[in-house]
Amino acid sequence: MNKPLINLIIACGQNGEIGLGGGLPWEGEYAEDREWYTSQTLDNIRVGTRGAIMNFTADRPSVLVSSSNEMPDHCLGVYNWHELTPDHILNDIKASFPQYSIYIVGGVEWYEASAHVADRILLTRIAKDFDHDRKVDLDLILANRKLESSKVASTHGEVTFETWV
């Protein structure tokens, strides 16, 4: 059995744009990106903020990072990330659920605070500018990382799937 990894999975526009009005700035435009995200995170644990994990369902294991201890239905747990470090939270989840890989799925502050803990970063880069109200600092997220692989999407030439280690 392969050792479960801590992954960070993110899609963004060319300037780090990731959000607009509670959704993605390109919502519905890139089915290949949605399929990529689902194929990676399905049957693994998603760890993110309430806004990043829109649906807590029994068939999609998720852990919430929040400043509130309120636990949604179908959530495996809640961690207050203002009281615990990302290292502590992610390593505790990894120890509690050793059969799963972990996927950091956002929001902005959680991405930026936890990126250094990730074993690898799966980045969907969309070479377009988008209207947005949320963006990440990709230089911070990719600091001290090396590009391992890059593949242009088959359906949209402006979309590239990158793996950073």
N, C-alpha and C. Protein backbone atom coordinates (compact mmCIF):
# COMPACT_ATOMS: atom_id res chain seq x y z
N MET A 1 0.84 -1.18 0.00
CA MET A 1 0.00 0.00 0.00
C MET A 1 0.88 1.24 0.00
N ASN A 2 0.57 2.21 -0.87
CA ASN A 2 1.32 3.45 -0.91
C ASN A 2 1.03 4.28 0.33
N LYS A 3 2.05 5.01 0.76
CA LYS A 3 1.89 5.90 1.89
C LYS A 3 0.95 7.04 1.49
N PRO A 4 -0.10 7.30 2.28
CA PRO A 4 -0.99 8.41 1.96
C PRO A 4 -0.23 9.74 1.96
N LEU A 5 -0.60 10.61 1.05
CA LEU A 5 0.05 11.90 0.92
C LEU A 5 -0.85 13.02 1.41
N ILE A 6 -0.21 14.11 1.80
CA ILE A 6 -0.93 15.36 2.03
C ILE A 6 -0.75 16.17 0.75
N ASN A 7 -1.86 16.44 0.09
CA ASN A 7 -1.86 17.16 -1.18
C ASN A 7 -2.56 18.49 -1.01
N LEU A 8 -2.18 19.45 -1.81
CA LEU A 8 -2.92 20.70 -1.92
C LEU A 8 -3.41 20.75 -3.36
N ILE A 9 -4.71 20.89 -3.55
CA ILE A 9 -5.27 20.94 -4.90
C ILE A 9 -5.96 22.29 -5.09
N ILE A 10 -5.61 22.96 -6.18
CA ILE A 10 -6.09 24.32 -6.39
C ILE A 10 -6.18 24.61 -7.88
N ALA A 11 -7.16 25.40 -8.26
CA ALA A 11 -7.28 25.92 -9.63
C ALA A 11 -7.34 27.43 -9.52
N CYS A 12 -6.62 28.11 -10.41
CA CYS A 12 -6.64 29.57 -10.35
C CYS A 12 -6.37 30.19 -11.71
N GLY A 13 -6.80 31.44 -11.85
CA GLY A 13 -6.50 32.22 -13.03
C GLY A 13 -5.04 32.65 -13.01
N GLN A 14 -4.61 33.34 -14.05
CA GLN A 14 -3.19 33.65 -14.18
C GLN A 14 -2.66 34.60 -13.12
N ASN A 15 -3.53 35.26 -12.38
CA ASN A 15 -3.08 36.14 -11.30
C ASN A 15 -3.49 35.62 -9.93
N GLY A 16 -3.77 34.32 -9.83
CA GLY A 16 -4.12 33.71 -8.56
C GLY A 16 -5.60 33.77 -8.21
N GLU A 17 -6.44 34.16 -9.15
CA GLU A 17 -7.87 34.28 -8.90
C GLU A 17 -8.49 32.91 -8.61
N ILE A 18 -9.21 32.82 -7.47
CA ILE A 18 -9.86 31.54 -7.17
C ILE A 18 -11.34 31.68 -6.82
N GLY A 19 -11.81 32.88 -6.54
CA GLY A 19 -13.19 32.98 -6.10
C GLY A 19 -13.91 34.23 -6.58
N LEU A 20 -15.22 34.07 -6.75
CA LEU A 20 -16.09 35.20 -7.09
C LEU A 20 -17.50 34.89 -6.58
N GLY A 21 -17.97 35.67 -5.63
CA GLY A 21 -19.33 35.51 -5.13
C GLY A 21 -19.62 34.15 -4.54
N GLY A 22 -18.64 33.52 -3.91
CA GLY A 22 -18.85 32.22 -3.30
C GLY A 22 -18.67 31.04 -4.24
N GLY A 23 -18.29 31.29 -5.48
CA GLY A 23 -18.04 30.21 -6.44
C GLY A 23 -16.71 30.44 -7.15
N LEU A 24 -16.48 29.69 -8.18
CA LEU A 24 -15.29 29.86 -9.00
C LEU A 24 -15.54 30.95 -10.04
N PRO A 25 -14.54 31.78 -10.34
CA PRO A 25 -14.75 32.83 -11.35
C PRO A 25 -15.12 32.28 -12.73
N TRP A 26 -14.77 31.04 -13.00
CA TRP A 26 -15.03 30.41 -14.31
C TRP A 26 -16.07 29.30 -14.18
N GLU A 27 -16.90 29.37 -13.16
CA GLU A 27 -17.87 28.31 -12.86
C GLU A 27 -18.54 27.78 -14.12
N GLY A 28 -18.44 26.46 -14.31
CA GLY A 28 -19.10 25.78 -15.42
C GLY A 28 -18.37 25.81 -16.74
N GLU A 29 -17.26 26.52 -16.85
CA GLU A 29 -16.55 26.65 -18.13
C GLU A 29 -15.60 25.50 -18.44
N TYR A 30 -15.05 24.87 -17.41
CA TYR A 30 -13.97 23.90 -17.63
C TYR A 30 -14.30 22.55 -17.01
N ALA A 31 -15.08 21.75 -17.73
CA ALA A 31 -15.49 20.43 -17.23
C ALA A 31 -14.28 19.55 -16.95
N GLU A 32 -13.24 19.66 -17.76
CA GLU A 32 -12.05 18.82 -17.57
C GLU A 32 -11.39 19.10 -16.22
N ASP A 33 -11.40 20.36 -15.78
CA ASP A 33 -10.86 20.70 -14.46
C ASP A 33 -11.72 20.10 -13.36
N ARG A 34 -13.04 20.20 -13.48
CA ARG A 34 -13.95 19.63 -12.48
C ARG A 34 -13.76 18.11 -12.40
N GLU A 35 -13.62 17.45 -13.55
CA GLU A 35 -13.39 16.00 -13.57
C GLU A 35 -12.05 15.66 -12.92
N TRP A 36 -11.03 16.45 -13.18
CA TRP A 36 -9.70 16.24 -12.58
C TRP A 36 -9.79 16.35 -11.06
N TYR A 37 -10.44 17.41 -10.56
CA TYR A 37 -10.60 17.61 -9.13
C TYR A 37 -11.34 16.43 -8.50
N THR A 38 -12.45 16.04 -9.08
CA THR A 38 -13.24 14.94 -8.54
C THR A 38 -12.46 13.64 -8.55
N SER A 39 -11.75 13.35 -9.64
CA SER A 39 -11.00 12.09 -9.71
C SER A 39 -9.88 12.04 -8.67
N GLN A 40 -9.31 13.18 -8.35
CA GLN A 40 -8.23 13.21 -7.35
C GLN A 40 -8.77 13.10 -5.93
N THR A 41 -9.86 13.78 -5.64
CA THR A 41 -10.34 13.87 -4.26
C THR A 41 -11.34 12.78 -3.88
N LEU A 42 -11.95 12.13 -4.86
CA LEU A 42 -12.93 11.08 -4.57
C LEU A 42 -12.26 9.97 -3.78
N ASP A 43 -12.92 9.49 -2.75
CA ASP A 43 -12.41 8.41 -1.90
C ASP A 43 -11.18 8.83 -1.10
N ASN A 44 -10.95 10.10 -0.96
CA ASN A 44 -9.90 10.64 -0.10
C ASN A 44 -10.54 11.70 0.79
N ILE A 45 -9.77 12.29 1.68
CA ILE A 45 -10.32 13.27 2.61
C ILE A 45 -10.01 14.68 2.13
N ARG A 46 -11.07 15.47 1.98
CA ARG A 46 -10.92 16.90 1.67
C ARG A 46 -10.87 17.67 2.98
N VAL A 47 -9.91 18.59 3.09
CA VAL A 47 -9.77 19.41 4.28
C VAL A 47 -9.82 20.87 3.84
N GLY A 48 -10.82 21.59 4.33
CA GLY A 48 -10.94 22.98 3.92
C GLY A 48 -11.91 23.76 4.77
N THR A 49 -12.08 25.00 4.39
CA THR A 49 -13.00 25.89 5.09
C THR A 49 -14.43 25.63 4.62
N ARG A 50 -15.37 26.20 5.35
CA ARG A 50 -16.79 26.03 5.03
C ARG A 50 -17.10 26.47 3.60
N GLY A 51 -16.51 27.56 3.15
CA GLY A 51 -16.75 28.04 1.80
C GLY A 51 -16.12 27.17 0.73
N ALA A 52 -15.02 26.50 1.07
CA ALA A 52 -14.32 25.65 0.10
C ALA A 52 -15.01 24.30 -0.08
N ILE A 53 -15.57 23.78 0.99
CA ILE A 53 -16.30 22.50 0.91
C ILE A 53 -17.78 22.84 0.93
N MET A 54 -18.33 22.96 -0.26
CA MET A 54 -19.71 23.42 -0.38
C MET A 54 -20.71 22.37 0.12
N ASN A 55 -20.39 21.10 -0.05
CA ASN A 55 -21.32 20.04 0.33
C ASN A 55 -20.62 19.00 1.18
N PHE A 56 -21.17 18.75 2.35
CA PHE A 56 -20.70 17.67 3.19
C PHE A 56 -21.66 16.51 2.98
N THR A 57 -21.17 15.43 2.36
CA THR A 57 -22.02 14.27 2.10
C THR A 57 -21.32 13.02 2.60
N ALA A 58 -22.11 12.01 2.88
CA ALA A 58 -21.56 10.77 3.43
C ALA A 58 -20.58 10.10 2.48
N ASP A 59 -20.74 10.30 1.17
CA ASP A 59 -19.86 9.63 0.21
C ASP A 59 -18.61 10.44 -0.15
N ARG A 60 -18.43 11.63 0.42
CA ARG A 60 -17.26 12.47 0.17
C ARG A 60 -16.64 12.85 1.51
N PRO A 61 -15.70 12.05 2.05
CA PRO A 61 -15.14 12.35 3.36
C PRO A 61 -14.51 13.74 3.41
N SER A 62 -14.88 14.50 4.44
CA SER A 62 -14.39 15.87 4.57
C SER A 62 -14.14 16.21 6.03
N VAL A 63 -13.15 17.09 6.23
CA VAL A 63 -12.85 17.65 7.54
C VAL A 63 -12.87 19.16 7.39
N LEU A 64 -13.49 19.84 8.32
CA LEU A 64 -13.64 21.28 8.28
C LEU A 64 -12.58 21.95 9.13
N VAL A 65 -11.94 22.99 8.59
CA VAL A 65 -11.10 23.88 9.40
C VAL A 65 -11.87 25.18 9.53
N SER A 66 -12.01 25.65 10.76
CA SER A 66 -12.91 26.77 11.02
C SER A 66 -12.50 27.44 12.33
N SER A 67 -13.04 28.61 12.58
CA SER A 67 -12.87 29.23 13.89
C SER A 67 -14.04 28.85 14.80
N SER A 68 -14.99 28.11 14.26
CA SER A 68 -16.15 27.62 15.01
C SER A 68 -16.04 26.11 15.16
N ASN A 69 -16.49 25.59 16.29
CA ASN A 69 -16.45 24.14 16.51
C ASN A 69 -17.73 23.45 16.04
N GLU A 70 -18.65 24.19 15.43
CA GLU A 70 -19.90 23.61 14.94
C GLU A 70 -19.60 22.62 13.81
N MET A 71 -20.09 21.38 13.97
CA MET A 71 -19.80 20.33 12.98
C MET A 71 -21.01 20.07 12.10
N PRO A 72 -20.84 20.27 10.77
CA PRO A 72 -21.92 19.95 9.84
C PRO A 72 -22.19 18.45 9.79
N ASP A 73 -23.40 18.08 9.38
CA ASP A 73 -23.71 16.67 9.14
C ASP A 73 -22.73 16.11 8.11
N HIS A 74 -22.39 14.85 8.25
CA HIS A 74 -21.52 14.12 7.32
C HIS A 74 -20.09 14.65 7.30
N CYS A 75 -19.68 15.35 8.32
CA CYS A 75 -18.31 15.86 8.42
C CYS A 75 -17.55 14.95 9.39
N LEU A 76 -16.32 14.59 9.04
CA LEU A 76 -15.53 13.68 9.89
C LEU A 76 -14.96 14.36 11.12
N GLY A 77 -14.88 15.68 11.10
CA GLY A 77 -14.32 16.41 12.23
C GLY A 77 -14.15 17.88 11.92
N VAL A 78 -13.92 18.65 12.99
CA VAL A 78 -13.70 20.09 12.87
C VAL A 78 -12.45 20.44 13.66
N TYR A 79 -11.58 21.23 13.06
CA TYR A 79 -10.38 21.72 13.73
C TYR A 79 -10.40 23.24 13.71
N ASN A 80 -10.11 23.84 14.85
CA ASN A 80 -10.01 25.29 14.92
C ASN A 80 -8.59 25.67 14.53
N TRP A 81 -8.42 26.15 13.32
CA TRP A 81 -7.08 26.42 12.82
C TRP A 81 -6.52 27.76 13.30
N HIS A 82 -7.29 28.47 14.12
CA HIS A 82 -6.75 29.66 14.78
C HIS A 82 -6.12 29.27 16.11
N GLU A 83 -6.40 28.06 16.57
CA GLU A 83 -5.82 27.56 17.82
C GLU A 83 -4.76 26.49 17.58
N LEU A 84 -4.82 25.79 16.46
CA LEU A 84 -3.88 24.71 16.14
C LEU A 84 -3.13 25.06 14.86
N THR A 85 -1.90 24.59 14.74
CA THR A 85 -1.13 24.86 13.53
C THR A 85 -1.60 23.95 12.39
N PRO A 86 -1.41 24.37 11.15
CA PRO A 86 -1.72 23.48 10.02
C PRO A 86 -0.96 22.16 10.12
N ASP A 87 0.29 22.19 10.56
CA ASP A 87 1.07 20.96 10.73
C ASP A 87 0.36 20.00 11.67
N HIS A 88 -0.08 20.51 12.83
CA HIS A 88 -0.76 19.69 13.82
C HIS A 88 -2.06 19.11 13.25
N ILE A 89 -2.85 19.97 12.64
CA ILE A 89 -4.14 19.54 12.10
C ILE A 89 -3.97 18.45 11.05
N LEU A 90 -3.13 18.71 10.05
CA LEU A 90 -2.98 17.76 8.94
C LEU A 90 -2.33 16.46 9.37
N ASN A 91 -1.36 16.52 10.25
CA ASN A 91 -0.73 15.28 10.73
C ASN A 91 -1.67 14.50 11.63
N ASP A 92 -2.53 15.18 12.39
CA ASP A 92 -3.53 14.48 13.20
C ASP A 92 -4.56 13.78 12.31
N ILE A 93 -5.00 14.45 11.26
CA ILE A 93 -5.94 13.82 10.32
C ILE A 93 -5.29 12.61 9.66
N LYS A 94 -4.05 12.77 9.25
CA LYS A 94 -3.31 11.67 8.60
C LYS A 94 -3.19 10.47 9.55
N ALA A 95 -2.91 10.73 10.83
CA ALA A 95 -2.80 9.65 11.81
C ALA A 95 -4.16 9.01 12.10
N SER A 96 -5.21 9.81 12.10
CA SER A 96 -6.56 9.30 12.41
C SER A 96 -7.17 8.51 11.26
N PHE A 97 -6.76 8.82 10.04
CA PHE A 97 -7.33 8.18 8.85
C PHE A 97 -6.20 7.72 7.92
N PRO A 98 -5.38 6.77 8.37
CA PRO A 98 -4.18 6.39 7.60
C PRO A 98 -4.47 5.75 6.25
N GLN A 99 -5.69 5.32 6.03
CA GLN A 99 -6.05 4.68 4.76
C GLN A 99 -6.34 5.70 3.65
N TYR A 100 -6.41 6.97 3.99
CA TYR A 100 -6.77 8.01 3.03
C TYR A 100 -5.60 8.95 2.75
N SER A 101 -5.56 9.46 1.52
CA SER A 101 -4.74 10.63 1.25
C SER A 101 -5.58 11.85 1.61
N ILE A 102 -4.90 12.95 1.87
CA ILE A 102 -5.54 14.18 2.30
C ILE A 102 -5.39 15.22 1.21
N TYR A 103 -6.47 15.96 0.96
CA TYR A 103 -6.46 17.04 -0.03
C TYR A 103 -6.87 18.35 0.61
N ILE A 104 -5.95 19.29 0.68
CA ILE A 104 -6.24 20.64 1.13
C ILE A 104 -6.99 21.32 -0.01
N VAL A 105 -8.21 21.81 0.26
CA VAL A 105 -9.07 22.33 -0.81
C VAL A 105 -9.46 23.81 -0.65
N GLY A 106 -8.82 24.53 0.26
CA GLY A 106 -9.08 25.96 0.39
C GLY A 106 -9.85 26.29 1.64
N GLY A 107 -10.16 27.52 1.84
CA GLY A 107 -10.07 28.78 1.16
C GLY A 107 -8.67 29.40 1.15
N VAL A 108 -8.66 30.67 0.80
CA VAL A 108 -7.42 31.39 0.55
C VAL A 108 -6.47 31.30 1.74
N GLU A 109 -6.92 31.71 2.92
CA GLU A 109 -6.03 31.73 4.09
C GLU A 109 -5.55 30.33 4.45
N TRP A 110 -6.41 29.34 4.32
CA TRP A 110 -6.03 27.96 4.64
C TRP A 110 -5.01 27.45 3.63
N TYR A 111 -5.22 27.73 2.34
CA TYR A 111 -4.22 27.36 1.33
C TYR A 111 -2.86 27.94 1.70
N GLU A 112 -2.83 29.23 1.96
CA GLU A 112 -1.56 29.90 2.20
C GLU A 112 -0.90 29.46 3.50
N ALA A 113 -1.69 29.17 4.54
CA ALA A 113 -1.14 28.74 5.82
C ALA A 113 -0.66 27.30 5.80
N SER A 114 -1.28 26.45 4.98
CA SER A 114 -0.99 25.01 5.03
C SER A 114 -0.12 24.51 3.89
N ALA A 115 0.18 25.33 2.90
CA ALA A 115 0.91 24.87 1.71
C ALA A 115 2.25 24.22 2.05
N HIS A 116 2.93 24.73 3.07
CA HIS A 116 4.25 24.19 3.41
C HIS A 116 4.18 22.75 3.93
N VAL A 117 3.02 22.31 4.38
CA VAL A 117 2.87 20.95 4.91
C VAL A 117 2.64 19.93 3.80
N ALA A 118 2.15 20.38 2.66
CA ALA A 118 1.77 19.48 1.57
C ALA A 118 2.98 18.75 0.98
N ASP A 119 2.80 17.45 0.71
CA ASP A 119 3.82 16.67 0.02
C ASP A 119 3.89 17.05 -1.46
N ARG A 120 2.74 17.41 -2.02
CA ARG A 120 2.70 17.85 -3.41
C ARG A 120 1.53 18.81 -3.61
N ILE A 121 1.66 19.61 -4.66
CA ILE A 121 0.63 20.58 -5.00
C ILE A 121 0.14 20.27 -6.41
N LEU A 122 -1.16 20.10 -6.53
CA LEU A 122 -1.80 19.87 -7.83
C LEU A 122 -2.47 21.18 -8.22
N LEU A 123 -1.90 21.84 -9.21
CA LEU A 123 -2.33 23.17 -9.61
C LEU A 123 -2.92 23.14 -11.01
N THR A 124 -4.17 23.55 -11.12
CA THR A 124 -4.76 23.81 -12.44
C THR A 124 -4.58 25.30 -12.68
N ARG A 125 -3.78 25.61 -13.69
CA ARG A 125 -3.49 27.00 -14.01
C ARG A 125 -4.27 27.37 -15.27
N ILE A 126 -5.08 28.41 -15.17
CA ILE A 126 -5.89 28.87 -16.30
C ILE A 126 -5.31 30.21 -16.76
N ALA A 127 -4.80 30.24 -17.97
CA ALA A 127 -4.09 31.41 -18.50
C ALA A 127 -5.06 32.48 -19.00
N LYS A 128 -5.88 32.96 -18.08
CA LYS A 128 -6.83 34.03 -18.37
C LYS A 128 -6.98 34.89 -17.12
N ASP A 129 -7.38 36.14 -17.33
CA ASP A 129 -7.75 37.01 -16.22
C ASP A 129 -9.24 36.83 -15.94
N PHE A 130 -9.59 36.81 -14.66
CA PHE A 130 -11.00 36.66 -14.27
C PHE A 130 -11.38 37.74 -13.27
N ASP A 131 -12.62 38.21 -13.35
CA ASP A 131 -13.16 39.02 -12.26
C ASP A 131 -13.13 38.13 -11.03
N HIS A 132 -12.80 38.71 -9.88
CA HIS A 132 -12.67 37.88 -8.68
C HIS A 132 -12.82 38.73 -7.42
N ASP A 133 -13.11 38.04 -6.32
CA ASP A 133 -13.05 38.69 -5.02
C ASP A 133 -12.15 37.91 -4.06
N ARG A 134 -11.57 36.82 -4.55
CA ARG A 134 -10.63 36.00 -3.75
C ARG A 134 -9.49 35.58 -4.65
N LYS A 135 -8.26 35.75 -4.15
CA LYS A 135 -7.09 35.28 -4.90
C LYS A 135 -6.03 34.80 -3.93
N VAL A 136 -5.18 33.90 -4.40
CA VAL A 136 -4.08 33.37 -3.59
C VAL A 136 -2.76 33.95 -4.08
N ASP A 137 -1.78 33.88 -3.20
CA ASP A 137 -0.41 34.25 -3.54
C ASP A 137 0.30 32.98 -4.00
N LEU A 138 0.36 32.77 -5.31
CA LEU A 138 0.98 31.54 -5.83
C LEU A 138 2.46 31.47 -5.51
N ASP A 139 3.14 32.61 -5.41
CA ASP A 139 4.55 32.58 -5.04
C ASP A 139 4.72 31.99 -3.65
N LEU A 140 3.84 32.32 -2.73
CA LEU A 140 3.88 31.77 -1.38
C LEU A 140 3.55 30.27 -1.41
N ILE A 141 2.51 29.90 -2.11
CA ILE A 141 2.09 28.50 -2.15
C ILE A 141 3.15 27.61 -2.80
N LEU A 142 3.81 28.10 -3.83
CA LEU A 142 4.80 27.29 -4.56
C LEU A 142 6.23 27.52 -4.09
N ALA A 143 6.42 28.27 -3.01
CA ALA A 143 7.77 28.56 -2.50
C ALA A 143 8.54 27.27 -2.24
N ASN A 144 9.77 27.23 -2.70
CA ASN A 144 10.68 26.09 -2.50
C ASN A 144 10.18 24.80 -3.14
N ARG A 145 9.36 24.92 -4.16
CA ARG A 145 8.81 23.76 -4.87
C ARG A 145 9.46 23.63 -6.23
N LYS A 146 9.39 22.43 -6.78
CA LYS A 146 9.90 22.16 -8.12
C LYS A 146 8.76 21.59 -8.96
N LEU A 147 8.63 22.08 -10.19
CA LEU A 147 7.61 21.57 -11.10
C LEU A 147 8.00 20.16 -11.52
N GLU A 148 7.13 19.19 -11.21
CA GLU A 148 7.40 17.79 -11.54
C GLU A 148 6.79 17.40 -12.88
N SER A 149 5.58 17.90 -13.15
CA SER A 149 4.94 17.58 -14.42
C SER A 149 3.96 18.67 -14.80
N SER A 150 3.69 18.74 -16.10
CA SER A 150 2.78 19.74 -16.64
C SER A 150 2.10 19.16 -17.87
N LYS A 151 0.77 19.31 -17.94
CA LYS A 151 0.02 18.76 -19.07
C LYS A 151 -1.08 19.74 -19.45
N VAL A 152 -1.13 20.10 -20.72
CA VAL A 152 -2.17 20.99 -21.21
C VAL A 152 -3.46 20.19 -21.35
N ALA A 153 -4.57 20.78 -20.91
CA ALA A 153 -5.87 20.12 -21.01
C ALA A 153 -6.21 19.83 -22.47
N SER A 154 -6.88 18.73 -22.70
CA SER A 154 -7.22 18.35 -24.08
C SER A 154 -8.36 19.19 -24.65
N THR A 155 -9.17 19.78 -23.79
CA THR A 155 -10.34 20.52 -24.28
C THR A 155 -10.16 22.03 -24.32
N HIS A 156 -9.23 22.57 -23.56
CA HIS A 156 -8.99 24.02 -23.50
C HIS A 156 -7.49 24.27 -23.39
N GLY A 157 -6.90 24.87 -24.41
CA GLY A 157 -5.47 25.12 -24.42
C GLY A 157 -4.97 26.07 -23.36
N GLU A 158 -5.86 26.88 -22.77
CA GLU A 158 -5.44 27.81 -21.73
C GLU A 158 -5.38 27.16 -20.35
N VAL A 159 -5.73 25.89 -20.25
CA VAL A 159 -5.74 25.17 -18.98
C VAL A 159 -4.57 24.19 -18.94
N THR A 160 -3.78 24.29 -17.86
CA THR A 160 -2.64 23.40 -17.67
C THR A 160 -2.74 22.76 -16.29
N PHE A 161 -2.54 21.45 -16.23
CA PHE A 161 -2.51 20.71 -14.97
C PHE A 161 -1.05 20.52 -14.58
N GLU A 162 -0.66 21.05 -13.42
CA GLU A 162 0.72 20.99 -12.97
C GLU A 162 0.82 20.23 -11.65
N THR A 163 1.93 19.51 -11.47
CA THR A 163 2.23 18.87 -10.20
C THR A 163 3.55 19.44 -9.70
N TRP A 164 3.54 19.94 -8.48
CA TRP A 164 4.71 20.53 -7.84
C TRP A 164 5.08 19.70 -6.61
N VAL A 165 6.36 19.47 -6.42
CA VAL A 165 6.84 18.72 -5.25
C VAL A 165 7.84 19.55 -4.47
